[in-house]
Amino acid sequence: MATTKKSLLFVINNLNCGGAEKALVSLLQTIDYSKYAVDLFVFKHEGVFFENLPKEVCVLEEQKIVPYLYSSTTSAVLKALKSFNFRAIWLRLQLFLLSKKHQSGVAVEQYFWKYYAKGLSTLDKEYDVAIGFQEKNPIYFCVDKVKANIKIGWIHTDLVQLGLDFQHEQYYFDQLNHLVTVSEGLTDRLQQQQPQFQSKIITIENIISSKVLTDLSQEPTATTFDSNYFNIIYVGRIAKEKGLFMGLEALKILVEQGYAVRWYLIGEGNQKEQLLLDAARYGIASHLFFLGLKSNPYPYISKASAFLLPSFFEGKSISLEEAKLLHKPIVIADFSSAKDQIEHGVTGLIAAMNPTSIAEKLAQFITDERLRNEVSINLKNTTFGTENEVTKFYQLL
């Protein structure tokens, strides 16, 4: 007799090249589809990771209001007027007013939800389990717009560092059966910040397959690194919170000190043009390269001399974990969860949160081959895949 599959719904903002998006695809590639039927709700149907979704995943239609909220105010209003969509005009007005009132995009997203929710339909299907696989909107959607026996919120970043209004979040956290974070450090900090939800908060690390990663890293690359240079790689969003301007100033320091060094960035984001302008102003434009989005960044990480992550804050960076699995010399800034991922001097170097320190740590690797080799060997001996984390996920279901 056939066993009825449990129905799961995952909710995420998009499938662009970010850590949460990559973590979701890795989880979806690991799930046992003989036991689970999986639907995926993506607010905005965009991103390079759509091509990596398993064929068993059913992607739900994008809701009609969404395109009006992901374009400029002027074009959205003009489009709404042509289709007589007055709700879209009203929503854009609310979004515009909130963006003028609040400097923080996090605050805008939190406070806009009560308006956004009015333009979104409740899903007809009832699920066994619904998972908001990102903080804020995906969790709000699971609570307000989905019928499910179990509801789970998945946290990928340090919510305190993010500047979240916890008073606003408490209603949503209260409606969830479980709150998952991606590292023990994040779990500890969230439990301290929200002790009333302590029993709900658990850790499930991002799922990364060492074998899959190694196999993918053997593929050819469109860009060839010049072996005459020390080639640094970054993978992630080109966003302000990633500390890339600190990294750029560190690059400037190294070039001025006479090091043959180049920095390659994989990803997209709204800070790219400013970084290019600043690189030209510093006279180091020929040392900075943007490679765009890559669904397979692993050959680039594998062939680079070192991996740099100068973020102001992280949850548990999946790109950093991937660099560790590929045994790369690593420099990271001292964000709140840095020591959860790197043992300074053993599996990488942790720099103070300033360009001078980042440049100093990179220079250590540039000038000391023995240190580079030691770090690579230590990573090889201590860093392993996390495929077994899926069993923790099953236990929640």
Protein backbone atom coordinates (compact mmCIF):
# COMPACT_ATOMS: atom_id res chain seq x y z
CA MET A 1 0.00 0.00 0.00
CA ALA A 2 1.40 3.39 -1.04
CA THR A 3 2.36 5.75 1.76
CA THR A 4 0.88 9.25 1.59
CA LYS A 5 3.60 11.82 1.15
CA LYS A 6 3.85 14.72 3.57
CA SER A 7 3.20 18.04 1.86
CA LEU A 8 5.83 20.74 2.36
CA LEU A 9 5.81 24.39 1.30
CA PHE A 10 8.97 26.50 1.18
CA VAL A 11 8.75 30.29 0.85
CA ILE A 12 11.63 32.56 -0.22
CA ASN A 13 12.03 36.04 -1.73
CA ASN A 14 13.85 35.04 -4.94
CA LEU A 15 16.50 32.62 -6.16
CA ASN A 16 19.30 35.08 -6.77
CA CYS A 17 22.90 34.22 -5.90
CA GLY A 18 22.76 34.59 -2.11
CA GLY A 19 23.49 32.39 0.87
CA ALA A 20 19.89 31.65 1.87
CA GLU A 21 18.94 30.89 -1.72
CA LYS A 22 21.91 28.57 -2.16
CA ALA A 23 21.12 26.87 1.16
CA LEU A 24 17.52 26.26 0.06
CA VAL A 25 18.59 24.70 -3.24
CA SER A 26 21.05 22.44 -1.39
CA LEU A 27 18.30 21.33 0.99
CA LEU A 28 15.87 20.71 -1.87
CA GLN A 29 18.53 18.61 -3.63
CA THR A 30 18.85 16.45 -0.50
CA ILE A 31 15.19 15.82 0.40
CA ASP A 32 13.75 12.31 -0.04
CA TYR A 33 10.96 12.85 -2.59
CA SER A 34 9.57 9.37 -2.04
CA LYS A 35 8.33 10.68 1.34
CA TYR A 36 7.74 14.39 0.73
CA ALA A 37 5.82 16.39 -1.87
CA VAL A 38 7.37 19.85 -2.13
CA ASP A 39 5.90 23.14 -3.34
CA LEU A 40 7.97 26.31 -3.58
CA PHE A 41 6.55 29.85 -3.37
CA VAL A 42 8.98 32.49 -4.65
CA PHE A 43 7.83 36.11 -4.30
CA LYS A 44 9.76 37.34 -7.35
CA HIS A 45 10.50 34.74 -10.03
CA GLU A 46 14.11 35.66 -10.71
CA GLY A 47 17.54 34.21 -9.99
CA VAL A 48 20.20 31.90 -11.37
CA PHE A 49 19.26 29.08 -8.97
CA PHE A 50 15.95 28.31 -10.70
CA GLU A 51 17.94 26.07 -13.05
CA ASN A 52 19.26 24.08 -10.08
CA LEU A 53 15.87 23.14 -8.61
CA PRO A 54 15.12 19.40 -8.55
CA LYS A 55 12.44 18.38 -11.07
CA GLU A 56 10.24 17.10 -8.23
CA VAL A 57 9.75 20.64 -6.82
CA CYS A 58 6.52 22.34 -7.89
CA VAL A 59 7.09 26.10 -8.25
CA LEU A 60 3.86 28.02 -7.56
CA GLU A 61 2.82 30.93 -9.75
CA GLU A 62 4.07 34.41 -8.98
CA GLN A 63 1.25 36.50 -7.56
CA LYS A 64 -0.05 39.32 -9.78
CA ILE A 65 0.76 42.19 -7.41
CA VAL A 66 4.48 41.34 -7.17
CA PRO A 67 5.84 42.95 -10.41
CA TYR A 68 4.45 46.33 -9.30
CA LEU A 69 6.67 46.22 -6.20
CA TYR A 70 9.98 45.33 -7.85
CA SER A 71 10.32 48.20 -10.31
CA SER A 72 10.69 51.97 -9.94
CA THR A 73 7.75 53.88 -8.45
CA THR A 74 7.13 55.80 -11.68
CA SER A 75 7.09 52.78 -14.00
CA ALA A 76 5.00 50.77 -11.52
CA VAL A 77 2.38 53.52 -11.20
CA LEU A 78 2.21 54.04 -14.98
CA LYS A 79 1.78 50.31 -15.52
CA ALA A 80 -0.89 50.16 -12.79
CA LEU A 81 -2.81 53.09 -14.33
CA LYS A 82 -2.89 51.36 -17.72
CA SER A 83 -4.41 48.24 -16.16
CA PHE A 84 -6.65 50.18 -13.72
CA ASN A 85 -4.92 48.41 -10.81
CA PHE A 86 -5.61 50.94 -8.08
CA ARG A 87 -4.52 48.58 -5.30
CA ALA A 88 -1.04 48.47 -6.85
CA ILE A 89 -0.93 52.28 -6.94
CA TRP A 90 -1.97 52.43 -3.29
CA LEU A 91 0.69 49.86 -2.33
CA ARG A 92 3.41 51.74 -4.20
CA LEU A 93 2.38 54.94 -2.41
CA GLN A 94 2.69 53.21 0.99
CA LEU A 95 6.08 51.78 0.02
CA PHE A 96 7.26 55.20 -1.16
CA LEU A 97 6.15 56.89 2.07
CA LEU A 98 7.80 54.23 4.25
CA SER A 99 11.07 54.49 2.31
CA LYS A 100 11.08 58.25 2.94
CA LYS A 101 10.34 57.76 6.63
CA HIS A 102 12.90 54.99 7.34
CA GLN A 103 16.56 54.91 6.34
CA SER A 104 16.76 51.16 6.92
CA GLY A 105 15.56 48.77 4.22
CA VAL A 106 14.98 46.23 6.99
CA ALA A 107 12.51 48.57 8.72
CA VAL A 108 10.75 49.32 5.43
CA GLU A 109 10.28 45.60 4.76
CA GLN A 110 8.97 44.97 8.27
CA TYR A 111 6.47 47.83 8.34
CA PHE A 112 5.39 47.46 4.70
CA TRP A 113 4.17 43.92 5.24
CA LYS A 114 0.77 44.95 6.66
CA TYR A 115 0.10 46.73 3.36
CA TYR A 116 1.78 44.13 1.14
CA ALA A 117 -0.30 41.35 2.70
CA LYS A 118 -3.49 43.05 1.48
CA GLY A 119 -2.35 42.56 -2.11
CA LEU A 120 -1.41 38.90 -1.72
CA SER A 121 -3.81 35.96 -1.92
CA THR A 122 -3.95 33.23 0.72
CA LEU A 123 -2.87 29.91 -0.78
CA ASP A 124 -5.74 27.49 -1.34
CA LYS A 125 -3.82 24.32 -0.55
CA GLU A 126 -3.35 23.19 3.04
CA TYR A 127 0.10 21.83 3.91
CA ASP A 128 1.49 19.55 6.57
CA VAL A 129 4.48 21.89 6.99
CA ALA A 130 5.17 25.44 5.76
CA ILE A 131 8.69 26.87 5.96
CA GLY A 132 9.52 30.57 5.65
CA PHE A 133 13.09 30.06 4.51
CA GLN A 134 14.22 33.63 5.16
CA GLU A 135 13.67 36.22 7.84
CA LYS A 136 10.90 38.84 7.43
CA ASN A 137 8.57 38.48 4.37
CA PRO A 138 8.82 34.68 3.85
CA ILE A 139 8.02 34.11 7.53
CA TYR A 140 5.21 36.69 7.49
CA PHE A 141 3.72 34.99 4.43
CA CYS A 142 3.76 31.56 6.11
CA VAL A 143 1.98 32.95 9.15
CA ASP A 144 -0.59 35.15 7.40
CA LYS A 145 -1.19 33.51 4.02
CA VAL A 146 -0.67 29.76 4.43
CA LYS A 147 -2.73 27.04 6.09
CA ALA A 148 -0.38 24.44 7.62
CA ASN A 149 -0.25 22.13 10.63
CA ILE A 150 3.37 23.07 11.37
CA LYS A 151 5.01 26.41 10.57
CA ILE A 152 8.77 26.97 10.64
CA GLY A 153 10.82 30.16 10.32
CA TRP A 154 14.41 29.89 9.07
CA ILE A 155 16.93 32.53 10.16
CA HIS A 156 20.15 32.97 8.14
CA THR A 157 21.64 36.09 9.68
CA ASP A 158 22.28 37.86 12.98
CA LEU A 159 18.95 39.60 13.59
CA VAL A 160 20.42 41.94 16.20
CA GLN A 161 23.14 43.14 13.82
CA LEU A 162 20.52 43.37 11.07
CA GLY A 163 18.67 45.98 13.15
CA LEU A 164 15.39 44.10 13.32
CA ASP A 165 12.48 45.57 15.31
CA PHE A 166 11.91 42.58 17.61
CA GLN A 167 8.68 44.00 18.98
CA HIS A 168 7.25 43.77 15.46
CA GLU A 169 8.56 40.20 15.06
CA GLN A 170 7.17 38.81 18.30
CA TYR A 171 3.67 38.20 16.89
CA TYR A 172 5.15 36.17 14.02
CA PHE A 173 7.63 34.25 16.17
CA ASP A 174 4.74 33.38 18.48
CA GLN A 175 2.78 31.80 15.58
CA LEU A 176 5.68 29.54 14.55
CA ASN A 177 6.20 26.02 15.85
CA HIS A 178 9.97 26.18 15.31
CA LEU A 179 12.62 28.81 14.65
CA VAL A 180 15.67 27.41 12.87
CA THR A 181 19.03 29.17 12.78
CA VAL A 182 22.07 28.06 10.77
CA SER A 183 24.69 28.10 13.55
CA GLU A 184 24.99 27.50 17.29
CA GLY A 185 26.23 31.06 17.72
CA LEU A 186 23.08 32.45 16.08
CA THR A 187 20.93 30.19 18.23
CA ASP A 188 22.64 31.42 21.40
CA ARG A 189 22.26 35.09 20.42
CA LEU A 190 18.61 34.71 19.39
CA GLN A 191 17.77 32.84 22.60
CA GLN A 192 19.38 35.62 24.64
CA GLN A 193 17.49 38.29 22.68
CA GLN A 194 14.15 36.45 22.72
CA PRO A 195 14.22 34.17 25.80
CA GLN A 196 10.44 33.65 25.66
CA PHE A 197 10.96 31.63 22.44
CA GLN A 198 13.97 29.70 23.69
CA SER A 199 12.31 26.28 23.41
CA LYS A 200 11.40 26.91 19.76
CA ILE A 201 14.89 27.83 18.55
CA ILE A 202 17.12 25.08 17.15
CA THR A 203 20.20 24.85 14.92
CA ILE A 204 20.31 23.18 11.50
CA GLU A 205 23.46 23.98 9.59
CA ASN A 206 23.37 24.74 5.87
CA ILE A 207 23.63 21.54 3.89
CA ILE A 208 26.80 21.35 1.81
CA SER A 209 28.01 18.19 0.07
CA SER A 210 31.80 17.90 0.02
CA LYS A 211 31.75 15.46 -2.91
CA VAL A 212 29.36 17.57 -5.02
CA LEU A 213 31.40 20.69 -4.31
CA THR A 214 34.69 19.00 -5.24
CA ASP A 215 33.22 17.61 -8.46
CA LEU A 216 31.79 21.00 -9.47
CA SER A 217 35.09 22.72 -8.72
CA GLN A 218 36.74 20.70 -11.52
CA GLU A 219 34.65 22.35 -14.24
CA PRO A 220 36.32 24.88 -16.59
CA THR A 221 35.98 28.62 -15.98
CA ALA A 222 35.24 31.46 -18.38
CA THR A 223 37.90 33.60 -16.67
CA THR A 224 41.51 32.48 -16.21
CA PHE A 225 43.48 33.84 -13.27
CA ASP A 226 46.95 35.27 -14.03
CA SER A 227 49.45 33.27 -11.97
CA ASN A 228 51.69 36.35 -11.73
CA TYR A 229 49.15 37.81 -9.30
CA PHE A 230 47.82 36.83 -5.89
CA ASN A 231 44.17 36.32 -6.88
CA ILE A 232 41.58 36.96 -4.15
CA ILE A 233 37.98 35.77 -4.56
CA TYR A 234 34.71 36.95 -2.98
CA VAL A 235 31.34 35.24 -3.50
CA GLY A 236 28.08 36.83 -2.37
CA ARG A 237 25.82 39.83 -2.77
CA ILE A 238 27.42 43.11 -3.81
CA ALA A 239 25.77 44.87 -0.90
CA LYS A 240 26.81 47.44 1.69
CA GLU A 241 26.59 45.09 4.68
CA LYS A 242 29.17 42.80 3.05
CA GLY A 243 31.92 45.32 3.83
CA LEU A 244 33.19 45.41 0.25
CA PHE A 245 34.28 49.04 0.53
CA MET A 246 36.60 48.00 3.37
CA GLY A 247 37.89 45.25 1.11
CA LEU A 248 38.45 47.77 -1.68
CA GLU A 249 40.46 50.04 0.61
CA ALA A 250 42.48 47.02 1.73
CA LEU A 251 43.18 46.26 -1.93
CA LYS A 252 44.34 49.86 -2.40
CA ILE A 253 46.75 49.51 0.55
CA LEU A 254 48.21 46.29 -0.87
CA VAL A 255 48.68 47.79 -4.34
CA GLU A 256 50.36 50.87 -2.85
CA GLN A 257 52.69 48.56 -0.91
CA GLY A 258 53.77 46.97 -4.18
CA TYR A 259 51.96 43.63 -4.01
CA ALA A 260 50.84 42.06 -7.29
CA VAL A 261 47.25 41.41 -6.24
CA ARG A 262 43.83 41.23 -7.88
CA TRP A 263 40.34 40.92 -6.41
CA TYR A 264 37.56 39.02 -8.21
CA LEU A 265 33.94 39.35 -7.06
CA ILE A 266 31.19 36.88 -7.95
CA GLY A 267 27.64 38.11 -7.42
CA GLU A 268 25.38 41.05 -8.16
CA GLY A 269 24.00 43.93 -6.11
CA ASN A 270 23.37 47.65 -5.89
CA GLN A 271 26.91 48.61 -4.78
CA LYS A 272 28.72 47.49 -7.94
CA GLU A 273 28.76 50.86 -9.72
CA GLN A 274 30.00 52.72 -6.64
CA LEU A 275 32.76 50.17 -6.10
CA LEU A 276 33.87 50.62 -9.71
CA LEU A 277 33.84 54.41 -9.32
CA ASP A 278 35.87 54.21 -6.10
CA ALA A 279 38.34 51.77 -7.68
CA ALA A 280 38.89 54.24 -10.54
CA ARG A 281 39.29 57.11 -8.04
CA TYR A 282 41.89 55.09 -6.10
CA GLY A 283 43.73 54.20 -9.30
CA ILE A 284 43.23 50.46 -8.82
CA ALA A 285 40.53 49.73 -11.43
CA SER A 286 42.85 47.25 -13.18
CA HIS A 287 43.03 45.21 -9.94
CA LEU A 288 39.24 44.79 -9.45
CA PHE A 289 37.11 42.40 -11.50
CA PHE A 290 33.37 41.67 -11.37
CA LEU A 291 32.50 38.24 -12.74
CA GLY A 292 28.70 38.53 -12.31
CA LEU A 293 26.42 35.77 -11.08
CA LYS A 294 27.68 32.20 -11.30
CA SER A 295 25.49 29.21 -10.50
CA ASN A 296 28.77 27.31 -10.12
CA PRO A 297 31.37 29.57 -8.45
CA TYR A 298 33.43 26.64 -7.15
CA PRO A 299 36.06 26.41 -9.92
CA TYR A 300 36.84 30.09 -9.29
CA ILE A 301 37.16 29.55 -5.54
CA SER A 302 39.32 26.47 -6.15
CA LYS A 303 41.70 28.29 -8.52
CA ALA A 304 41.97 31.51 -6.46
CA SER A 305 44.89 32.21 -4.12
CA ALA A 306 42.68 33.17 -1.16
CA PHE A 307 39.07 33.84 -0.17
CA LEU A 308 38.05 37.18 1.38
CA LEU A 309 34.84 37.92 3.32
CA PRO A 310 34.96 41.45 4.81
CA SER A 311 31.31 41.45 6.05
CA PHE A 312 30.02 43.61 8.88
CA PHE A 313 27.73 40.76 9.97
CA GLU A 314 26.86 37.22 8.92
CA GLY A 315 24.75 34.37 10.20
CA LYS A 316 26.75 31.40 9.02
CA SER A 317 28.13 32.27 5.62
CA ILE A 318 27.56 29.41 3.19
CA SER A 319 30.15 30.75 0.72
CA LEU A 320 32.71 30.77 3.54
CA GLU A 321 31.86 27.17 4.42
CA GLU A 322 32.29 26.26 0.75
CA ALA A 323 35.71 27.96 0.64
CA LYS A 324 36.67 25.92 3.71
CA LEU A 325 35.58 22.68 2.00
CA LEU A 326 37.78 23.66 -0.96
CA HIS A 327 40.68 24.25 1.51
CA LYS A 328 41.33 27.88 0.56
CA PRO A 329 43.38 30.31 2.67
CA ILE A 330 40.69 32.56 4.14
CA VAL A 331 40.57 36.10 5.53
CA ILE A 332 37.36 37.33 7.20
CA ALA A 333 36.43 40.43 9.17
CA ASP A 334 35.67 39.97 12.86
CA PHE A 335 31.85 39.96 12.57
CA SER A 336 29.80 38.57 15.47
CA SER A 337 29.82 34.95 14.26
CA ALA A 338 33.37 34.97 12.81
CA LYS A 339 34.83 32.72 15.50
CA ASP A 340 31.98 30.24 14.95
CA GLN A 341 33.41 29.57 11.48
CA ILE A 342 37.16 30.24 11.62
CA GLU A 343 39.83 29.43 14.20
CA HIS A 344 42.26 32.32 13.83
CA GLY A 345 45.70 31.23 12.69
CA VAL A 346 44.55 27.64 12.19
CA THR A 347 41.77 27.51 9.58
CA GLY A 348 42.09 31.12 8.41
CA LEU A 349 42.80 34.64 9.60
CA ILE A 350 40.32 36.98 11.31
CA ALA A 351 40.98 40.68 10.70
CA ALA A 352 39.74 43.61 12.76
CA MET A 353 36.85 45.53 11.22
CA ASN A 354 39.02 47.97 9.26
CA PRO A 355 40.86 48.06 5.89
CA THR A 356 44.36 48.22 7.41
CA SER A 357 43.89 44.99 9.36
CA ILE A 358 42.30 43.23 6.36
CA ALA A 359 45.28 44.28 4.21
CA GLU A 360 47.72 43.05 6.88
CA LYS A 361 46.08 39.60 7.05
CA LEU A 362 46.02 39.26 3.27
CA ALA A 363 49.70 40.29 3.16
CA GLN A 364 50.48 37.48 5.62
CA PHE A 365 49.14 34.95 3.14
CA ILE A 366 50.78 36.67 0.16
CA THR A 367 54.23 36.56 1.75
CA ASP A 368 54.07 33.30 3.71
CA GLU A 369 53.59 30.17 1.59
CA ARG A 370 54.12 27.96 4.63
CA LEU A 371 51.15 29.61 6.39
CA ARG A 372 48.96 29.17 3.31
CA ASN A 373 49.83 25.48 3.14
CA GLU A 374 49.27 24.95 6.88
CA VAL A 375 45.81 26.54 6.74
CA SER A 376 44.88 24.43 3.69
CA ILE A 377 46.02 21.23 5.41
CA ASN A 378 44.14 22.12 8.60
CA LEU A 379 40.96 22.76 6.61
CA LYS A 380 41.36 19.46 4.79
CA ASN A 381 41.66 17.61 8.11
CA THR A 382 38.84 19.40 9.98
CA THR A 383 36.19 20.49 7.47
CA PHE A 384 33.59 18.04 6.18
CA GLY A 385 30.24 18.11 4.40
CA THR A 386 27.00 18.59 6.33
CA GLU A 387 24.66 16.26 4.42
CA ASN A 388 23.52 14.62 7.67
CA GLU A 389 21.89 17.87 8.82
CA VAL A 390 18.83 16.88 6.77
CA THR A 391 17.96 14.33 9.47
CA LYS A 392 17.42 17.21 11.93
CA PHE A 393 15.06 18.77 9.42
CA TYR A 394 13.08 15.54 9.10
CA GLN A 395 12.71 15.40 12.89
CA LEU A 396 10.93 18.77 12.83
CA LEU A 397 8.38 17.49 10.33
